[in-house]
N, C-alpha and C. Protein backbone atom coordinates (compact mmCIF):
# COMPACT_ATOMS: atom_id res chain seq x y z
N MET A 1 4.41 -11.15 -4.66
CA MET A 1 3.44 -10.09 -4.77
C MET A 1 2.15 -10.52 -4.09
N ASN A 2 1.51 -9.60 -3.45
CA ASN A 2 0.24 -9.88 -2.80
C ASN A 2 -0.91 -9.26 -3.58
N THR A 3 -2.08 -9.84 -3.41
CA THR A 3 -3.29 -9.32 -4.04
C THR A 3 -4.42 -9.35 -3.03
N ASN A 4 -5.43 -8.54 -3.29
CA ASN A 4 -6.59 -8.47 -2.43
C ASN A 4 -7.82 -8.83 -3.27
N ALA A 5 -8.44 -9.95 -2.96
CA ALA A 5 -9.56 -10.45 -3.76
C ALA A 5 -10.75 -9.50 -3.75
N PHE A 6 -10.99 -8.82 -2.65
CA PHE A 6 -12.11 -7.88 -2.59
C PHE A 6 -11.91 -6.74 -3.58
N PHE A 7 -10.71 -6.15 -3.58
CA PHE A 7 -10.45 -5.04 -4.50
C PHE A 7 -10.47 -5.52 -5.95
N ARG A 8 -9.93 -6.71 -6.20
CA ARG A 8 -9.92 -7.23 -7.57
C ARG A 8 -11.34 -7.48 -8.04
N SER A 9 -12.19 -8.00 -7.18
CA SER A 9 -13.59 -8.24 -7.53
C SER A 9 -14.29 -6.93 -7.86
N THR A 10 -14.02 -5.90 -7.08
CA THR A 10 -14.60 -4.58 -7.34
C THR A 10 -14.15 -4.05 -8.69
N MET A 11 -12.85 -4.21 -9.00
CA MET A 11 -12.34 -3.76 -10.29
C MET A 11 -12.98 -4.54 -11.44
N ALA A 12 -13.09 -5.85 -11.28
CA ALA A 12 -13.67 -6.69 -12.33
C ALA A 12 -15.11 -6.27 -12.62
N ASN A 13 -15.82 -5.86 -11.61
CA ASN A 13 -17.22 -5.48 -11.78
C ASN A 13 -17.42 -4.06 -12.28
N ASN A 14 -16.42 -3.18 -12.07
CA ASN A 14 -16.62 -1.77 -12.37
C ASN A 14 -15.75 -1.19 -13.47
N PHE A 15 -14.64 -1.83 -13.80
CA PHE A 15 -13.74 -1.29 -14.82
C PHE A 15 -14.23 -1.65 -16.22
N ALA A 16 -13.97 -0.77 -17.16
CA ALA A 16 -14.19 -1.09 -18.57
C ALA A 16 -13.20 -2.20 -18.96
N THR A 17 -13.53 -2.94 -19.99
CA THR A 17 -12.70 -4.08 -20.40
C THR A 17 -11.25 -3.69 -20.64
N ARG A 18 -11.02 -2.62 -21.37
CA ARG A 18 -9.65 -2.17 -21.69
C ARG A 18 -8.89 -1.83 -20.41
N LYS A 19 -9.52 -1.10 -19.51
CA LYS A 19 -8.86 -0.70 -18.27
C LYS A 19 -8.55 -1.92 -17.41
N PHE A 20 -9.47 -2.86 -17.36
CA PHE A 20 -9.26 -4.07 -16.55
C PHE A 20 -8.11 -4.89 -17.12
N PHE A 21 -8.06 -5.04 -18.45
CA PHE A 21 -6.97 -5.79 -19.08
C PHE A 21 -5.62 -5.16 -18.74
N LYS A 22 -5.55 -3.85 -18.82
CA LYS A 22 -4.30 -3.15 -18.50
C LYS A 22 -3.93 -3.33 -17.03
N ARG A 23 -4.92 -3.35 -16.16
CA ARG A 23 -4.65 -3.56 -14.73
C ARG A 23 -4.09 -4.96 -14.48
N VAL A 24 -4.69 -5.96 -15.10
CA VAL A 24 -4.21 -7.34 -14.97
C VAL A 24 -2.78 -7.44 -15.50
N ALA A 25 -2.53 -6.82 -16.64
CA ALA A 25 -1.17 -6.83 -17.22
C ALA A 25 -0.18 -6.17 -16.28
N SER A 26 -0.59 -5.11 -15.63
CA SER A 26 0.28 -4.42 -14.67
C SER A 26 0.59 -5.32 -13.47
N ASP A 27 -0.41 -6.02 -12.98
CA ASP A 27 -0.19 -6.95 -11.87
C ASP A 27 0.76 -8.07 -12.29
N MET A 28 0.57 -8.58 -13.50
CA MET A 28 1.44 -9.64 -13.99
C MET A 28 2.88 -9.13 -14.13
N GLU A 29 3.03 -7.92 -14.62
CA GLU A 29 4.36 -7.33 -14.77
C GLU A 29 5.04 -7.19 -13.41
N SER A 30 4.29 -6.78 -12.40
CA SER A 30 4.84 -6.67 -11.05
C SER A 30 5.36 -8.01 -10.56
N GLN A 31 4.58 -9.07 -10.81
CA GLN A 31 5.01 -10.41 -10.40
C GLN A 31 6.27 -10.82 -11.16
N LEU A 32 6.29 -10.61 -12.45
CA LEU A 32 7.45 -10.98 -13.27
C LEU A 32 8.70 -10.23 -12.83
N LYS A 33 8.56 -8.95 -12.52
CA LYS A 33 9.72 -8.15 -12.12
C LYS A 33 10.23 -8.54 -10.73
N GLU A 34 9.38 -9.15 -9.91
CA GLU A 34 9.87 -9.70 -8.64
C GLU A 34 10.84 -10.84 -8.91
N TRP A 35 10.60 -11.57 -9.99
CA TRP A 35 11.48 -12.69 -10.34
C TRP A 35 12.76 -12.20 -10.99
N HIS A 36 12.64 -11.23 -11.90
CA HIS A 36 13.81 -10.73 -12.60
C HIS A 36 13.49 -9.35 -13.17
N LYS A 37 14.36 -8.40 -12.92
CA LYS A 37 14.12 -7.01 -13.37
C LYS A 37 14.12 -6.88 -14.89
N GLY A 38 14.64 -7.88 -15.61
CA GLY A 38 14.74 -7.81 -17.06
C GLY A 38 13.44 -8.04 -17.81
N TYR A 39 12.40 -8.48 -17.13
CA TYR A 39 11.12 -8.71 -17.81
C TYR A 39 10.52 -7.37 -18.27
N GLN A 40 10.06 -7.37 -19.51
CA GLN A 40 9.35 -6.22 -20.08
C GLN A 40 7.99 -6.70 -20.56
N VAL A 41 6.96 -5.95 -20.23
CA VAL A 41 5.60 -6.32 -20.62
C VAL A 41 5.02 -5.20 -21.48
N SER A 42 4.45 -5.59 -22.61
CA SER A 42 3.75 -4.60 -23.45
C SER A 42 2.33 -5.12 -23.71
N VAL A 43 1.43 -4.17 -23.86
CA VAL A 43 0.01 -4.48 -23.99
C VAL A 43 -0.54 -3.77 -25.21
N GLU A 44 -1.42 -4.47 -25.92
CA GLU A 44 -2.15 -3.85 -27.01
C GLU A 44 -3.64 -4.11 -26.76
N THR A 45 -4.43 -3.06 -26.86
CA THR A 45 -5.88 -3.21 -26.62
C THR A 45 -6.65 -2.53 -27.74
N TRP A 46 -6.39 -2.94 -28.94
CA TRP A 46 -7.13 -2.39 -30.07
C TRP A 46 -8.17 -3.40 -30.48
N ARG A 47 -7.99 -4.13 -31.54
CA ARG A 47 -8.96 -5.14 -31.96
C ARG A 47 -8.75 -6.44 -31.20
N ILE A 48 -7.51 -6.77 -31.01
CA ILE A 48 -7.13 -7.95 -30.23
C ILE A 48 -6.45 -7.46 -28.97
N TYR A 49 -6.75 -8.09 -27.86
CA TYR A 49 -6.10 -7.75 -26.60
C TYR A 49 -4.89 -8.66 -26.46
N SER A 50 -3.73 -8.06 -26.48
CA SER A 50 -2.49 -8.82 -26.53
C SER A 50 -1.57 -8.45 -25.37
N LEU A 51 -0.96 -9.47 -24.79
CA LEU A 51 0.04 -9.29 -23.74
C LEU A 51 1.32 -9.92 -24.24
N CYS A 52 2.39 -9.14 -24.30
CA CYS A 52 3.68 -9.63 -24.76
C CYS A 52 4.69 -9.49 -23.62
N VAL A 53 5.37 -10.58 -23.31
CA VAL A 53 6.37 -10.60 -22.24
C VAL A 53 7.72 -10.92 -22.86
N GLN A 54 8.71 -10.09 -22.56
CA GLN A 54 10.06 -10.32 -23.05
C GLN A 54 11.02 -10.35 -21.87
N ASN A 55 11.98 -11.26 -21.98
CA ASN A 55 13.07 -11.33 -21.02
C ASN A 55 14.30 -11.80 -21.79
N GLY A 56 15.18 -10.86 -22.08
CA GLY A 56 16.33 -11.20 -22.90
C GLY A 56 15.87 -11.57 -24.30
N GLU A 57 16.28 -12.74 -24.77
CA GLU A 57 15.90 -13.19 -26.10
C GLU A 57 14.56 -13.94 -26.12
N ASN A 58 14.01 -14.22 -24.96
CA ASN A 58 12.76 -14.96 -24.88
C ASN A 58 11.56 -14.02 -24.97
N THR A 59 10.63 -14.37 -25.85
CA THR A 59 9.41 -13.59 -26.02
C THR A 59 8.21 -14.53 -25.95
N TYR A 60 7.20 -14.12 -25.20
CA TYR A 60 5.97 -14.89 -25.05
C TYR A 60 4.82 -13.92 -25.33
N GLN A 61 3.81 -14.38 -26.06
CA GLN A 61 2.69 -13.51 -26.36
C GLN A 61 1.38 -14.28 -26.30
N VAL A 62 0.39 -13.65 -25.67
CA VAL A 62 -0.96 -14.21 -25.60
C VAL A 62 -1.90 -13.15 -26.16
N ALA A 63 -2.74 -13.57 -27.10
CA ALA A 63 -3.71 -12.66 -27.70
C ALA A 63 -5.11 -13.23 -27.51
N LEU A 64 -6.02 -12.37 -27.07
CA LEU A 64 -7.41 -12.77 -26.83
C LEU A 64 -8.33 -11.75 -27.49
N SER A 65 -9.49 -12.20 -27.89
CA SER A 65 -10.48 -11.27 -28.44
C SER A 65 -11.05 -10.41 -27.30
N LYS A 66 -11.53 -9.24 -27.66
CA LYS A 66 -12.15 -8.36 -26.66
C LYS A 66 -13.33 -9.06 -26.01
N ASN A 67 -14.08 -9.81 -26.80
CA ASN A 67 -15.24 -10.53 -26.29
C ASN A 67 -14.82 -11.55 -25.22
N LEU A 68 -13.76 -12.31 -25.48
CA LEU A 68 -13.29 -13.28 -24.50
C LEU A 68 -12.77 -12.60 -23.24
N VAL A 69 -12.05 -11.50 -23.40
CA VAL A 69 -11.56 -10.75 -22.24
C VAL A 69 -12.74 -10.29 -21.39
N ASP A 70 -13.78 -9.79 -22.03
CA ASP A 70 -14.97 -9.34 -21.31
C ASP A 70 -15.64 -10.50 -20.57
N ILE A 71 -15.73 -11.64 -21.21
CA ILE A 71 -16.33 -12.83 -20.58
C ILE A 71 -15.50 -13.24 -19.36
N LEU A 72 -14.18 -13.32 -19.52
CA LEU A 72 -13.32 -13.73 -18.41
C LEU A 72 -13.38 -12.73 -17.26
N GLN A 73 -13.44 -11.45 -17.60
CA GLN A 73 -13.51 -10.40 -16.58
C GLN A 73 -14.73 -10.59 -15.68
N HIS A 74 -15.83 -11.00 -16.27
CA HIS A 74 -17.07 -11.12 -15.50
C HIS A 74 -17.33 -12.55 -14.99
N GLU A 75 -16.50 -13.49 -15.43
CA GLU A 75 -16.62 -14.87 -14.95
C GLU A 75 -16.13 -15.01 -13.52
N ALA A 76 -14.95 -14.46 -13.25
CA ALA A 76 -14.34 -14.51 -11.92
C ALA A 76 -13.26 -13.45 -11.88
N PRO A 77 -12.97 -12.88 -10.72
CA PRO A 77 -12.01 -11.78 -10.63
C PRO A 77 -10.61 -12.10 -11.18
N TYR A 78 -10.20 -13.36 -11.13
CA TYR A 78 -8.86 -13.73 -11.58
C TYR A 78 -8.88 -14.64 -12.81
N ALA A 79 -10.01 -14.77 -13.48
CA ALA A 79 -10.10 -15.65 -14.65
C ALA A 79 -9.22 -15.15 -15.79
N LEU A 80 -9.14 -13.85 -15.99
CA LEU A 80 -8.30 -13.31 -17.05
C LEU A 80 -6.82 -13.55 -16.74
N ASP A 81 -6.43 -13.30 -15.50
CA ASP A 81 -5.04 -13.57 -15.09
C ASP A 81 -4.68 -15.02 -15.39
N ARG A 82 -5.57 -15.92 -14.98
CA ARG A 82 -5.33 -17.35 -15.14
C ARG A 82 -5.14 -17.70 -16.61
N ALA A 83 -6.00 -17.18 -17.48
CA ALA A 83 -5.90 -17.46 -18.91
C ALA A 83 -4.58 -16.94 -19.48
N LEU A 84 -4.18 -15.76 -19.06
CA LEU A 84 -2.93 -15.19 -19.56
C LEU A 84 -1.72 -15.96 -19.05
N TRP A 85 -1.71 -16.29 -17.76
CA TRP A 85 -0.58 -17.06 -17.20
C TRP A 85 -0.48 -18.42 -17.88
N ARG A 86 -1.62 -19.08 -18.06
CA ARG A 86 -1.59 -20.40 -18.71
C ARG A 86 -1.08 -20.30 -20.13
N GLY A 87 -1.46 -19.25 -20.83
CA GLY A 87 -0.96 -19.03 -22.18
C GLY A 87 0.55 -18.84 -22.21
N LEU A 88 1.07 -18.08 -21.26
CA LEU A 88 2.51 -17.85 -21.19
C LEU A 88 3.26 -19.13 -20.82
N VAL A 89 2.73 -19.85 -19.86
CA VAL A 89 3.37 -21.10 -19.42
C VAL A 89 3.37 -22.12 -20.56
N SER A 90 2.30 -22.17 -21.34
CA SER A 90 2.23 -23.14 -22.44
C SER A 90 3.28 -22.84 -23.51
N GLN A 91 3.79 -21.62 -23.53
CA GLN A 91 4.84 -21.23 -24.48
C GLN A 91 6.24 -21.40 -23.90
N GLY A 92 6.31 -21.83 -22.64
CA GLY A 92 7.62 -22.09 -22.04
C GLY A 92 8.04 -21.17 -20.92
N LEU A 93 7.23 -20.19 -20.56
CA LEU A 93 7.57 -19.34 -19.43
C LEU A 93 7.53 -20.17 -18.16
N ALA A 94 8.60 -20.14 -17.41
CA ALA A 94 8.67 -20.93 -16.18
C ALA A 94 8.21 -20.10 -14.99
N LEU A 95 7.26 -20.64 -14.23
CA LEU A 95 6.84 -20.00 -13.00
C LEU A 95 7.91 -20.26 -11.94
N GLN A 96 8.10 -19.29 -11.07
CA GLN A 96 9.10 -19.41 -10.03
C GLN A 96 8.43 -19.27 -8.67
N LYS A 97 9.19 -19.58 -7.64
CA LYS A 97 8.66 -19.40 -6.29
C LYS A 97 8.36 -17.93 -6.07
N THR A 98 7.29 -17.69 -5.33
CA THR A 98 6.88 -16.31 -5.10
C THR A 98 6.76 -16.04 -3.61
N GLN A 99 6.88 -14.77 -3.29
CA GLN A 99 6.54 -14.31 -1.96
C GLN A 99 5.22 -13.58 -2.13
N GLY A 100 4.25 -13.94 -1.35
CA GLY A 100 2.94 -13.32 -1.49
C GLY A 100 1.92 -14.32 -2.00
N ASN A 101 0.70 -13.84 -2.20
CA ASN A 101 -0.40 -14.74 -2.51
C ASN A 101 -0.95 -14.60 -3.93
N TYR A 102 -0.36 -13.76 -4.76
CA TYR A 102 -0.94 -13.49 -6.07
C TYR A 102 -1.10 -14.74 -6.92
N LEU A 103 -0.01 -15.44 -7.21
CA LEU A 103 -0.12 -16.61 -8.10
C LEU A 103 -0.94 -17.72 -7.46
N ASP A 104 -0.81 -17.91 -6.16
CA ASP A 104 -1.65 -18.92 -5.50
C ASP A 104 -3.12 -18.58 -5.67
N THR A 105 -3.46 -17.31 -5.52
CA THR A 105 -4.85 -16.88 -5.68
C THR A 105 -5.32 -17.07 -7.11
N VAL A 106 -4.50 -16.69 -8.07
CA VAL A 106 -4.85 -16.82 -9.49
C VAL A 106 -5.07 -18.28 -9.86
N LEU A 107 -4.16 -19.13 -9.49
CA LEU A 107 -4.25 -20.52 -9.90
C LEU A 107 -5.26 -21.31 -9.08
N ASP A 108 -5.49 -20.93 -7.83
CA ASP A 108 -6.47 -21.62 -6.99
C ASP A 108 -7.89 -21.11 -7.22
N ALA A 109 -8.02 -19.89 -7.73
CA ALA A 109 -9.34 -19.30 -7.93
C ALA A 109 -10.18 -20.15 -8.88
N TYR A 110 -9.56 -20.70 -9.91
CA TYR A 110 -10.29 -21.52 -10.87
C TYR A 110 -10.87 -22.75 -10.19
N ASP A 111 -10.05 -23.44 -9.41
CA ASP A 111 -10.53 -24.63 -8.71
C ASP A 111 -11.67 -24.27 -7.76
N TYR A 112 -11.56 -23.15 -7.09
CA TYR A 112 -12.59 -22.70 -6.17
C TYR A 112 -13.91 -22.44 -6.91
N GLU A 113 -13.84 -21.74 -8.04
CA GLU A 113 -15.05 -21.45 -8.82
C GLU A 113 -15.70 -22.75 -9.33
N GLN A 114 -14.88 -23.70 -9.76
CA GLN A 114 -15.41 -24.97 -10.26
C GLN A 114 -16.10 -25.73 -9.13
N GLN A 115 -15.54 -25.68 -7.93
CA GLN A 115 -16.17 -26.36 -6.79
C GLN A 115 -17.50 -25.72 -6.45
N LYS A 116 -17.60 -24.40 -6.53
CA LYS A 116 -18.86 -23.72 -6.26
C LYS A 116 -19.92 -24.13 -7.27
N LEU A 117 -19.54 -24.26 -8.53
CA LEU A 117 -20.48 -24.63 -9.57
C LEU A 117 -20.99 -26.05 -9.39
N ALA A 118 -20.14 -26.91 -8.83
CA ALA A 118 -20.51 -28.31 -8.65
C ALA A 118 -21.53 -28.52 -7.51
N LEU A 119 -21.62 -27.54 -6.61
CA LEU A 119 -22.54 -27.70 -5.48
C LEU A 119 -23.99 -27.52 -5.87
């Protein structure tokens, strides 16, 4: 899956927290479905912002407070994606080879932001 950093930055700056969370979840679902059509993603955006990923008998869930989602949204365009992916991976979700730049951008964006802060 491919992503465009300019458009993501615009969304991060202009979308409401709930809408941005749903957009990130949709992007993640697209990436997961490239790996296997059996992945199902569900989102809850009430008091806790929750992303649940299911594939067969395997279920992974990451829950974040609305406040944290808002902070990540405004920290960097892909900070929320990174937090969600790391949460899923820590529960055993295996990342696979991808076509496109989405995961590379998500995982490299953090290192890039840290380097900018160090200057």
